[in-house]
Protein backbone atom coordinates (compact mmCIF):
# COMPACT_ATOMS: atom_id res chain seq x y z
CA SER A 1 -3.67 1.50 -15.61
CA CYS A 2 -4.47 5.26 -15.93
CA SER A 3 -2.94 8.69 -16.27
CA PHE A 4 -3.17 11.29 -13.81
CA THR A 5 -2.11 14.72 -13.92
CA PRO A 6 -1.89 16.53 -10.43
CA LYS A 7 -3.22 20.08 -10.06
CA SER A 8 -0.72 20.91 -7.44
CA SER A 9 2.75 20.13 -7.36
CA THR A 10 2.22 19.69 -3.41
CA SER A 11 -0.44 17.03 -2.63
CA TYR A 12 -1.23 13.76 -1.88
CA VAL A 13 -2.63 11.32 -4.88
CA VAL A 14 -4.79 8.48 -3.07
CA VAL A 15 -6.00 5.47 -4.97
CA ASP A 16 -8.49 3.10 -4.27
CA MET A 17 -9.01 0.33 -6.60
CA SER A 18 -11.73 -2.30 -6.66
CA ALA A 19 -12.20 -5.29 -9.02
CA LYS A 20 -14.99 -8.32 -9.38
CA TYR A 21 -12.84 -11.48 -9.32
CA GLU A 22 -12.87 -15.16 -8.32
CA CYS A 23 -10.71 -18.43 -8.42
CA PRO A 24 -12.98 -20.80 -10.47
CA ALA A 25 -15.02 -23.80 -9.02
CA GLY A 26 -13.25 -26.64 -8.85
CA ALA A 27 -9.62 -25.51 -8.69
CA SER A 28 -7.47 -27.14 -6.51
CA GLY A 29 -6.62 -25.66 -2.95
CA ASN A 30 -3.27 -23.37 -1.82
CA ASP A 31 -3.25 -20.99 -4.60
CA ASP A 32 -1.95 -17.54 -3.71
CA TYR A 33 -1.83 -13.78 -5.48
CA PHE A 34 -0.50 -10.53 -4.65
CA SER A 35 -2.05 -7.36 -5.72
CA THR A 36 -0.08 -3.87 -5.87
CA LEU A 37 -0.77 -0.48 -6.38
CA THR A 38 2.08 1.37 -8.25
CA VAL A 39 2.98 4.85 -9.62
CA ASN A 40 4.99 5.17 -12.85
CA GLY A 41 4.61 1.91 -14.32
CA PRO A 42 3.96 -1.81 -13.03
CA ALA A 43 7.46 -1.50 -11.82
CA GLY A 44 7.39 1.93 -10.44
CA THR A 45 6.92 2.92 -6.93
CA GLU A 46 4.49 0.41 -5.03
CA ILE A 47 1.84 2.46 -3.01
CA GLY A 48 -0.21 -0.32 -1.85
CA PHE A 49 -0.33 -4.40 -1.34
CA SER A 50 -2.49 -6.84 -0.64
CA TYR A 51 -2.21 -10.77 -0.23
CA GLN A 52 -4.67 -13.85 -0.97
CA ARG A 53 -4.03 -17.25 -0.24
CA PHE A 54 -7.19 -19.51 -1.93
CA SER A 55 -7.15 -22.46 -0.02
CA THR A 56 -9.96 -25.45 0.83
CA THR A 57 -8.03 -26.18 4.00
CA ALA A 58 -7.49 -23.82 7.18
CA GLY A 59 -5.69 -20.76 7.16
CA GLY A 60 -7.01 -19.50 3.47
CA ASP A 61 -10.01 -17.85 2.11
CA ARG A 62 -12.07 -17.70 -0.98
CA SER A 63 -13.61 -14.17 -0.52
CA GLY A 64 -12.15 -10.92 -2.00
CA VAL A 65 -9.27 -9.67 -0.36
CA LEU A 66 -6.87 -8.96 -3.20
CA PHE A 67 -9.16 -5.93 -3.88
CA PRO A 68 -10.06 -3.41 -2.88
CA VAL A 69 -6.57 -2.13 -2.60
CA ILE A 70 -5.58 1.35 -1.66
CA GLY A 71 -2.45 3.51 -1.91
CA ARG A 72 -1.14 6.79 -0.96
CA TYR A 73 1.59 8.66 -3.32
CA THR A 74 3.24 11.73 -2.27
CA ASN A 75 3.23 14.14 -5.08
CA SER A 76 6.05 16.75 -5.65
CA SER A 77 5.37 17.85 -9.16
CA THR A 78 2.11 18.40 -11.81
CA SER A 79 3.92 16.04 -14.40
CA THR A 80 1.16 13.09 -15.43
CA ILE A 81 1.92 10.09 -13.58
CA SER A 82 0.75 6.68 -14.59
CA VAL A 83 -1.44 4.55 -11.90
CA CYS A 84 -1.04 0.67 -12.43
CA ALA A 85 -3.10 -1.90 -10.37
CA ASN A 86 -1.06 -5.34 -10.74
CA VAL A 87 -1.83 -8.77 -9.78
CA ARG A 88 0.87 -11.64 -10.13
CA ARG A 89 0.79 -15.30 -8.78
CA GLY A 90 2.86 -16.28 -5.81
CA THR A 91 2.96 -20.25 -5.75
CA SER A 92 -0.27 -20.62 -7.63
CA ASP A 93 -1.09 -23.33 -10.53
CA ASP A 94 -4.56 -22.05 -10.74
CA ASN A 95 -5.94 -19.16 -12.54
CA ILE A 96 -8.29 -16.14 -11.24
CA SER A 97 -10.49 -14.61 -13.48
CA PHE A 98 -11.82 -10.77 -13.49
CA ASP A 99 -15.11 -9.80 -14.88
CA ALA A 100 -13.41 -7.11 -17.37
CA GLY A 101 -16.27 -6.92 -20.12
CA ASN A 102 -18.68 -5.31 -17.43
CA ALA A 103 -17.84 -1.54 -16.93
CA SER A 104 -18.86 -1.43 -13.48
CA SER A 105 -16.63 -4.46 -12.25
CA MET A 106 -13.45 -2.54 -12.12
CA THR A 107 -13.15 0.82 -10.86
CA MET A 108 -10.09 3.03 -10.01
CA ILE A 109 -10.96 6.33 -8.10
CA ILE A 110 -8.18 8.64 -8.04
CA THR A 111 -8.64 11.64 -5.35
CA GLU A 112 -5.75 14.41 -4.78
CA ILE A 113 -5.49 15.85 -1.25
CA GLY A 114 -4.02 19.16 -0.73
CA ARG A 115 -1.24 19.20 1.88
């Protein structure tokens, strides 16, 4: 998550979240995950969404789909907002891993646009 204080009370806040992740070698197929961007906490307003199905059979993929995820929030005040990137399992039994130890492997870009 990241805190952001808008300069204008009438703006759009555009969020672009990228992350390096992988489903480890040897994991069984048919795992799925959801990624979301939310404003005002993990259970807040959803502004971006993606879904990925890891599969060794037809109909899935093993490449980057969860991220990047992009969303837009219609801002109405200059109060600080909390922007969260979230990932949750669907019907998965395998873990995905994020390279959180590398500062360049996760990037959240927040842009405020006047309206």
